[in-house]
Amino acid sequence: MPFARRPLSPVRRRAAQALAVTGAAALLLTGCGSSGSSSGSSTAASPAADAAGGGDGGGKRTVKDATGKAVEVPAEPKRILTLTQEDLDAVLALGVKPVGITNGQGLAEPPAYLKDKVQGVPVVGNLLQPVMDKVIAAKPDLILAGDMQDEQVLKQLREITPATLVTMAPTDDWKLAFRGIGNAVNKLDQANRVIGDYEAKAAKAGGELAGNKGAAVSIVRWNPTGPSWMEKKQFASGVALDMGLTRPAAQDKDGNAHSPALSLEKLGEIDGDWLFLSTLTDDGKAALKEVQSKPAYKELGAVKNNHTVTVDGSVWSTRGGPLAADVVIGDIVKALGAN
């Protein structure tokens, strides 16, 4: 089965706290050759940041990755390889087509929402599980390694390409991670514009939901062992909040992880004005189909009101990026805007 990951479980989230202290903010500290400017709500790029590194003034820049490690990268990378769909989403949103990618979360192929944009791009492995021979064949000059924590794998990657960056800590906000990736590929100004455009679009779309403005949306991933709701800072939840929507009282919790799988007795926690349901595996789909015939599910208010929406788990259950955020906005508008 392909490797599945974010959002973090509560246990894994606590284990990641040390790494999260540095986070993607460190990736915004750059050496010579940085764009060195920002717009919108960026808080990290500054003249002080420009002085932080030691690029050679030519074809190299020095950046700090999400672990705080200083890494020399090409000033204008030409052959970027991505190891997560968040990295892939980010570079595509910046107009860069990578030379190698990995499969999507829980998938044996690239995520469907990006598939048309990566036709012909070699797949070098599953999510955060690169096949080294395939990485070598892609000849990358920059590897974006997501939240890779396997030091042995990182060592192998750095032997192939020293410019290998951990681009996000496990609990990083997607916007911060995206800005860090934008800076790593020397497109921070463009990344800031993308975020500004996204925020304007989210606010506008949310303001046009008529009777559903401010509705409480439940965001749930159905696992083989039961449903888990997403915390407020999880990717899709953050998009909903940027649209002016709210979360049900039971789900009104800070963090970007998900709850433990719920039993039928606690199924009420997933109720809301609207219920967005996703799965990542065939077993999860089967478990969801089975529970939909049970009284506990049928008694949910969202189910009674026909306010349940099935969405793509590889978009809604991951950390995401600007292109995934656009999909989430579209899904919400399609459901809530028509009611």
Protein backbone atom coordinates (compact mmCIF):
# COMPACT_ATOMS: atom_id res chain seq x y z
CA MET A 1 0.00 0.00 0.00
CA PRO A 2 1.39 3.48 -0.81
CA PHE A 3 2.67 5.48 2.12
CA ALA A 4 -0.08 7.60 3.72
CA ARG A 5 0.58 10.56 5.95
CA ARG A 6 -0.69 14.00 7.00
CA PRO A 7 -2.66 15.18 8.79
CA LEU A 8 -0.80 14.03 11.90
CA SER A 9 -2.35 11.90 14.58
CA PRO A 10 -2.17 13.43 18.07
CA VAL A 11 0.66 11.04 19.06
CA ARG A 12 2.75 11.72 15.97
CA ARG A 13 2.06 15.44 16.30
CA ARG A 14 3.55 15.53 19.80
CA ALA A 15 6.60 13.62 18.58
CA ALA A 16 7.15 16.26 15.90
CA GLN A 17 7.15 19.30 18.19
CA ALA A 18 10.94 19.66 18.31
CA LEU A 19 11.18 19.88 14.54
CA ALA A 20 8.18 22.19 14.35
CA VAL A 21 9.97 24.80 16.44
CA THR A 22 12.18 25.72 13.50
CA GLY A 23 9.68 25.02 10.74
CA ALA A 24 9.45 26.39 7.25
CA ALA A 25 10.16 29.88 8.57
CA ALA A 26 13.82 28.89 8.51
CA LEU A 27 13.55 28.20 4.80
CA LEU A 28 12.78 31.87 4.26
CA LEU A 29 16.25 32.86 5.46
CA THR A 30 18.29 33.30 2.32
CA GLY A 31 21.73 34.10 1.11
CA CYS A 32 22.88 36.27 -1.77
CA GLY A 33 20.70 36.20 -4.84
CA SER A 34 17.41 36.15 -2.92
CA SER A 35 14.52 38.24 -4.18
CA GLY A 36 14.70 39.75 -0.68
CA SER A 37 11.25 41.34 -0.90
CA SER A 38 7.75 40.44 0.06
CA SER A 39 4.17 41.49 -0.32
CA GLY A 40 0.84 40.77 1.25
CA SER A 41 0.99 39.08 4.64
CA SER A 42 4.53 37.70 4.44
CA THR A 43 6.39 38.13 7.71
CA ALA A 44 9.69 36.41 7.00
CA ALA A 45 11.47 38.02 4.05
CA SER A 46 13.43 41.10 5.07
CA PRO A 47 16.77 42.87 4.57
CA ALA A 48 18.02 41.03 7.66
CA ALA A 49 17.14 37.75 6.01
CA ASP A 50 19.11 38.76 2.92
CA ALA A 51 22.23 38.98 5.04
CA ALA A 52 21.73 35.61 6.68
CA GLY A 53 23.48 33.44 4.12
CA GLY A 54 26.63 33.42 2.10
CA GLY A 55 25.96 32.85 -1.58
CA ASP A 56 28.90 33.25 -3.91
CA GLY A 57 27.32 36.14 -5.80
CA GLY A 58 27.05 34.00 -8.93
CA GLY A 59 25.07 30.86 -9.59
CA LYS A 60 24.48 29.79 -6.00
CA ARG A 61 22.41 30.92 -3.03
CA THR A 62 22.36 29.69 0.55
CA VAL A 63 19.04 28.97 2.22
CA LYS A 64 18.11 27.35 5.50
CA ASP A 65 15.71 24.47 5.20
CA ALA A 66 12.84 23.70 7.56
CA THR A 67 15.20 22.02 10.03
CA GLY A 68 17.48 25.06 10.15
CA LYS A 69 20.18 23.41 8.01
CA ALA A 70 22.03 25.78 5.67
CA VAL A 71 21.97 24.42 2.13
CA GLU A 72 23.58 25.82 -1.01
CA VAL A 73 21.14 25.79 -3.92
CA PRO A 74 21.27 26.93 -7.54
CA ALA A 75 20.31 30.58 -7.93
CA GLU A 76 18.08 29.56 -10.83
CA PRO A 77 17.35 25.83 -10.51
CA LYS A 78 16.53 24.14 -13.81
CA ARG A 79 15.84 20.54 -12.79
CA ILE A 80 13.65 20.37 -9.68
CA LEU A 81 12.52 17.05 -8.26
CA THR A 82 9.67 16.87 -5.72
CA LEU A 83 9.05 14.12 -3.16
CA THR A 84 5.59 15.17 -1.93
CA GLN A 85 2.46 16.40 -3.63
CA GLU A 86 2.67 19.60 -1.58
CA ASP A 87 6.06 20.35 -3.10
CA LEU A 88 4.68 19.44 -6.51
CA ASP A 89 1.61 21.63 -6.04
CA ALA A 90 3.85 24.51 -4.98
CA VAL A 91 6.26 24.43 -7.92
CA LEU A 92 3.43 24.01 -10.42
CA ALA A 93 1.65 27.01 -8.88
CA LEU A 94 4.89 28.94 -9.49
CA GLY A 95 4.99 27.92 -13.14
CA VAL A 96 7.76 25.34 -12.78
CA LYS A 97 7.46 21.84 -14.24
CA PRO A 98 9.62 19.37 -12.28
CA VAL A 99 11.83 16.66 -13.76
CA GLY A 100 10.68 14.01 -11.29
CA ILE A 101 7.76 13.50 -8.90
CA THR A 102 6.30 10.93 -6.51
CA ASN A 103 2.84 9.42 -6.38
CA GLY A 104 0.08 11.11 -4.41
CA GLN A 105 -0.89 10.34 -0.83
CA GLY A 106 -2.47 6.90 -0.63
CA LEU A 107 -2.15 6.53 -4.42
CA ALA A 108 -0.14 4.53 -6.92
CA GLU A 109 -0.19 7.47 -9.33
CA PRO A 110 0.08 11.26 -9.20
CA PRO A 111 -2.87 13.02 -7.52
CA ALA A 112 -5.79 13.39 -9.90
CA TYR A 113 -6.06 17.17 -9.56
CA LEU A 114 -2.48 17.58 -10.81
CA LYS A 115 -2.37 14.72 -13.28
CA ASP A 116 -2.89 16.81 -16.42
CA LYS A 117 -0.07 19.14 -15.40
CA VAL A 118 2.55 16.40 -15.03
CA GLN A 119 1.99 14.37 -18.17
CA GLY A 120 5.31 12.82 -19.16
CA VAL A 121 7.09 13.67 -15.91
CA PRO A 122 8.88 10.57 -14.53
CA VAL A 123 7.56 9.15 -11.27
CA VAL A 124 10.52 8.33 -9.02
CA GLY A 125 8.64 6.48 -6.27
CA ASN A 126 5.81 6.73 -3.79
CA LEU A 127 5.26 9.59 -1.40
CA LEU A 128 8.52 10.24 0.51
CA GLN A 129 9.76 6.86 -0.73
CA PRO A 130 12.03 7.65 -3.69
CA VAL A 131 13.75 4.94 -5.70
CA MET A 132 17.32 6.19 -5.81
CA ASP A 133 18.13 4.88 -9.29
CA LYS A 134 15.15 6.83 -10.62
CA VAL A 135 16.22 9.96 -8.75
CA ILE A 136 19.69 9.67 -10.32
CA ALA A 137 18.16 9.24 -13.77
CA ALA A 138 16.16 12.47 -13.34
CA LYS A 139 19.44 14.44 -12.87
CA PRO A 140 17.96 16.99 -10.44
CA ASP A 141 19.85 20.12 -9.43
CA LEU A 142 17.39 20.72 -6.55
CA ILE A 143 15.39 18.18 -4.54
CA LEU A 144 12.41 19.33 -2.48
CA ALA A 145 12.00 16.66 0.18
CA GLY A 146 8.82 17.75 1.94
CA ASP A 147 8.78 16.79 5.61
CA MET A 148 11.19 13.90 5.12
CA GLN A 149 12.52 12.77 8.52
CA ASP A 150 14.41 9.63 7.47
CA GLU A 151 18.04 10.70 7.85
CA GLN A 152 19.33 7.71 5.90
CA VAL A 153 17.18 8.61 2.90
CA LEU A 154 18.21 12.26 3.19
CA LYS A 155 21.87 11.22 3.22
CA GLN A 156 21.40 9.20 0.04
CA LEU A 157 19.57 12.09 -1.64
CA ARG A 158 22.31 14.55 -0.69
CA GLU A 159 24.90 12.25 -2.20
CA ILE A 160 22.97 12.53 -5.45
CA THR A 161 22.25 16.25 -5.15
CA PRO A 162 23.69 18.29 -2.25
CA ALA A 163 20.90 20.82 -2.87
CA THR A 164 18.30 18.69 -1.07
CA LEU A 165 15.88 20.62 1.15
CA VAL A 166 13.45 19.55 3.85
CA THR A 167 10.78 22.07 2.93
CA MET A 168 8.36 21.76 5.83
CA ALA A 169 8.18 20.72 9.44
CA PRO A 170 5.35 18.28 10.23
CA THR A 171 3.13 20.95 11.77
CA ASP A 172 3.88 23.85 9.41
CA ASP A 173 1.08 25.93 7.96
CA TRP A 174 0.73 25.35 4.21
CA LYS A 175 1.09 29.04 3.34
CA LEU A 176 4.35 29.33 5.26
CA ALA A 177 5.66 26.16 3.62
CA PHE A 178 4.66 27.46 0.19
CA ARG A 179 6.49 30.74 0.75
CA GLY A 180 9.55 28.78 1.85
CA ILE A 181 9.44 26.68 -1.31
CA GLY A 182 8.96 29.85 -3.35
CA ASN A 183 12.07 31.29 -1.78
CA ALA A 184 14.07 28.09 -2.33
CA VAL A 185 13.38 28.29 -6.08
CA ASN A 186 14.02 32.07 -6.06
CA LYS A 187 10.39 33.01 -6.65
CA LEU A 188 9.36 34.44 -3.27
CA ASP A 189 7.72 37.55 -4.73
CA GLN A 190 5.65 35.36 -7.03
CA ALA A 191 4.73 33.09 -4.11
CA ASN A 192 3.50 36.09 -2.13
CA ARG A 193 1.34 37.16 -5.07
CA VAL A 194 -0.12 33.66 -5.36
CA ILE A 195 -1.07 33.69 -1.67
CA GLY A 196 -2.58 37.15 -2.00
CA ASP A 197 -4.66 36.06 -4.98
CA TYR A 198 -5.80 32.95 -3.12
CA GLU A 199 -6.86 34.89 -0.03
CA ALA A 200 -8.82 37.38 -2.12
CA LYS A 201 -10.54 34.55 -4.01
CA ALA A 202 -11.40 32.67 -0.80
CA ALA A 203 -12.90 35.76 0.82
CA LYS A 204 -14.92 36.63 -2.29
CA ALA A 205 -16.22 33.08 -2.72
CA GLY A 206 -17.21 32.85 0.93
CA GLY A 207 -19.04 36.15 0.74
CA GLU A 208 -21.17 34.84 -2.13
CA LEU A 209 -22.57 31.77 -0.35
CA ALA A 210 -25.86 33.50 0.43
CA GLY A 211 -27.74 31.50 3.09
CA ASN A 212 -24.71 29.33 3.75
CA LYS A 213 -22.37 32.19 4.70
CA GLY A 214 -20.71 31.27 7.96
CA ALA A 215 -22.06 27.71 7.92
CA ALA A 216 -20.42 25.12 10.17
CA VAL A 217 -18.61 22.64 7.95
CA SER A 218 -17.48 19.24 9.21
CA ILE A 219 -14.37 17.93 7.44
CA VAL A 220 -13.89 14.19 7.84
CA ARG A 221 -11.60 11.49 6.52
CA TRP A 222 -13.09 8.00 6.72
CA ASN A 223 -10.50 5.40 7.69
CA PRO A 224 -10.95 1.62 7.75
CA THR A 225 -11.35 1.91 11.54
CA GLY A 226 -13.79 4.82 11.47
CA PRO A 227 -14.04 8.57 10.82
CA SER A 228 -11.56 11.23 11.91
CA TRP A 229 -12.40 14.93 11.84
CA MET A 230 -9.82 17.53 10.93
CA GLU A 231 -8.57 20.22 13.30
CA LYS A 232 -8.92 23.91 12.46
CA LYS A 233 -5.42 24.46 11.05
CA GLN A 234 -5.49 21.40 8.84
CA PHE A 235 -5.26 22.42 5.20
CA ALA A 236 -8.88 22.11 3.98
CA SER A 237 -10.18 23.47 7.28
CA GLY A 238 -7.97 26.52 6.88
CA VAL A 239 -9.39 27.13 3.41
CA ALA A 240 -12.93 26.92 4.79
CA LEU A 241 -12.05 29.40 7.54
CA ASP A 242 -10.50 31.75 4.97
CA MET A 243 -13.89 31.66 3.24
CA GLY A 244 -15.58 32.83 6.44
CA LEU A 245 -17.04 29.45 7.26
CA THR A 246 -16.90 27.91 10.74
CA ARG A 247 -16.37 24.48 12.27
CA PRO A 248 -18.79 22.52 14.46
CA ALA A 249 -18.27 22.95 18.20
CA ALA A 250 -16.80 19.45 18.58
CA GLN A 251 -14.21 20.23 15.89
CA ASP A 252 -13.36 23.77 17.01
CA LYS A 253 -9.82 22.83 17.99
CA ASP A 254 -6.51 24.41 16.98
CA GLY A 255 -3.96 22.20 15.29
CA ASN A 256 -3.39 20.61 11.88
CA ALA A 257 -3.87 16.98 12.90
CA HIS A 258 -6.96 14.78 12.93
CA SER A 259 -8.89 13.16 15.74
CA PRO A 260 -8.53 9.49 16.61
CA ALA A 261 -10.92 7.27 14.66
CA LEU A 262 -14.38 7.60 16.21
CA SER A 263 -16.72 4.81 17.24
CA LEU A 264 -20.40 4.74 16.27
CA GLU A 265 -21.21 6.02 19.76
CA LYS A 266 -19.26 9.23 19.04
CA LEU A 267 -20.47 9.70 15.49
CA GLY A 268 -22.25 12.89 16.49
CA GLU A 269 -18.86 14.63 16.55
CA ILE A 270 -18.77 14.61 12.76
CA ASP A 271 -22.13 16.37 12.36
CA GLY A 272 -22.40 19.94 11.12
CA ASP A 273 -24.44 22.16 8.82
CA TRP A 274 -22.47 20.47 6.03
CA LEU A 275 -20.44 17.28 6.07
CA PHE A 276 -17.50 16.86 3.68
CA LEU A 277 -16.35 13.23 3.50
CA SER A 278 -13.15 11.86 2.00
CA THR A 279 -11.24 8.59 1.95
CA LEU A 280 -7.67 7.63 1.02
CA THR A 281 -7.88 3.87 0.60
CA ASP A 282 -10.26 1.24 -0.76
CA ASP A 283 -10.68 -0.06 2.79
CA GLY A 284 -11.74 3.41 3.88
CA LYS A 285 -14.29 3.60 1.07
CA ALA A 286 -15.69 0.22 2.07
CA ALA A 287 -15.97 1.28 5.73
CA LEU A 288 -17.80 4.47 4.75
CA LYS A 289 -20.22 2.58 2.52
CA GLU A 290 -20.95 0.12 5.31
CA VAL A 291 -21.71 2.77 7.95
CA GLN A 292 -24.03 4.71 5.64
CA SER A 293 -26.69 2.03 6.16
CA LYS A 294 -26.54 2.29 9.97
CA PRO A 295 -29.04 4.32 12.07
CA ALA A 296 -26.27 6.32 13.81
CA TYR A 297 -25.17 7.70 10.45
CA LYS A 298 -28.67 8.29 9.13
CA GLU A 299 -29.54 10.33 12.24
CA LEU A 300 -26.86 12.94 11.57
CA GLY A 301 -28.39 16.33 10.81
CA ALA A 302 -26.24 16.84 7.71
CA VAL A 303 -27.36 13.47 6.37
CA LYS A 304 -31.05 14.19 7.05
CA ASN A 305 -30.73 17.55 5.28
CA ASN A 306 -28.90 16.02 2.32
CA HIS A 307 -25.90 18.18 3.16
CA THR A 308 -23.19 15.54 2.72
CA VAL A 309 -20.53 15.95 0.05
CA THR A 310 -17.97 13.35 -1.04
CA VAL A 311 -14.63 14.95 -1.93
CA ASP A 312 -11.16 13.85 -3.06
CA GLY A 313 -9.13 12.67 -0.07
CA SER A 314 -5.84 13.34 -1.85
CA VAL A 315 -6.83 17.02 -1.79
CA TRP A 316 -8.89 17.41 1.38
CA SER A 317 -6.89 15.10 3.67
CA THR A 318 -3.39 16.38 2.88
CA ARG A 319 -1.39 19.49 3.71
CA GLY A 320 -2.03 20.96 0.27
CA GLY A 321 -0.89 23.97 -1.68
CA PRO A 322 -2.38 26.77 -3.81
CA LEU A 323 -3.71 24.47 -6.53
CA ALA A 324 -5.33 22.14 -3.99
CA ALA A 325 -6.78 25.19 -2.21
CA ASP A 326 -8.43 26.19 -5.46
CA VAL A 327 -10.03 22.74 -5.67
CA VAL A 328 -11.36 23.03 -2.10
CA ILE A 329 -12.84 26.45 -2.81
CA GLY A 330 -14.52 25.04 -5.92
CA ASP A 331 -15.93 22.05 -4.04
CA ILE A 332 -17.37 24.27 -1.30
CA VAL A 333 -18.88 26.75 -3.75
CA LYS A 334 -20.41 23.95 -5.80
CA ALA A 335 -22.09 22.48 -2.71
CA LEU A 336 -23.00 25.49 -0.62
CA GLY A 337 -23.48 28.02 -3.36
CA ALA A 338 -26.24 25.97 -4.94
CA ASN A 339 -28.31 25.90 -1.73
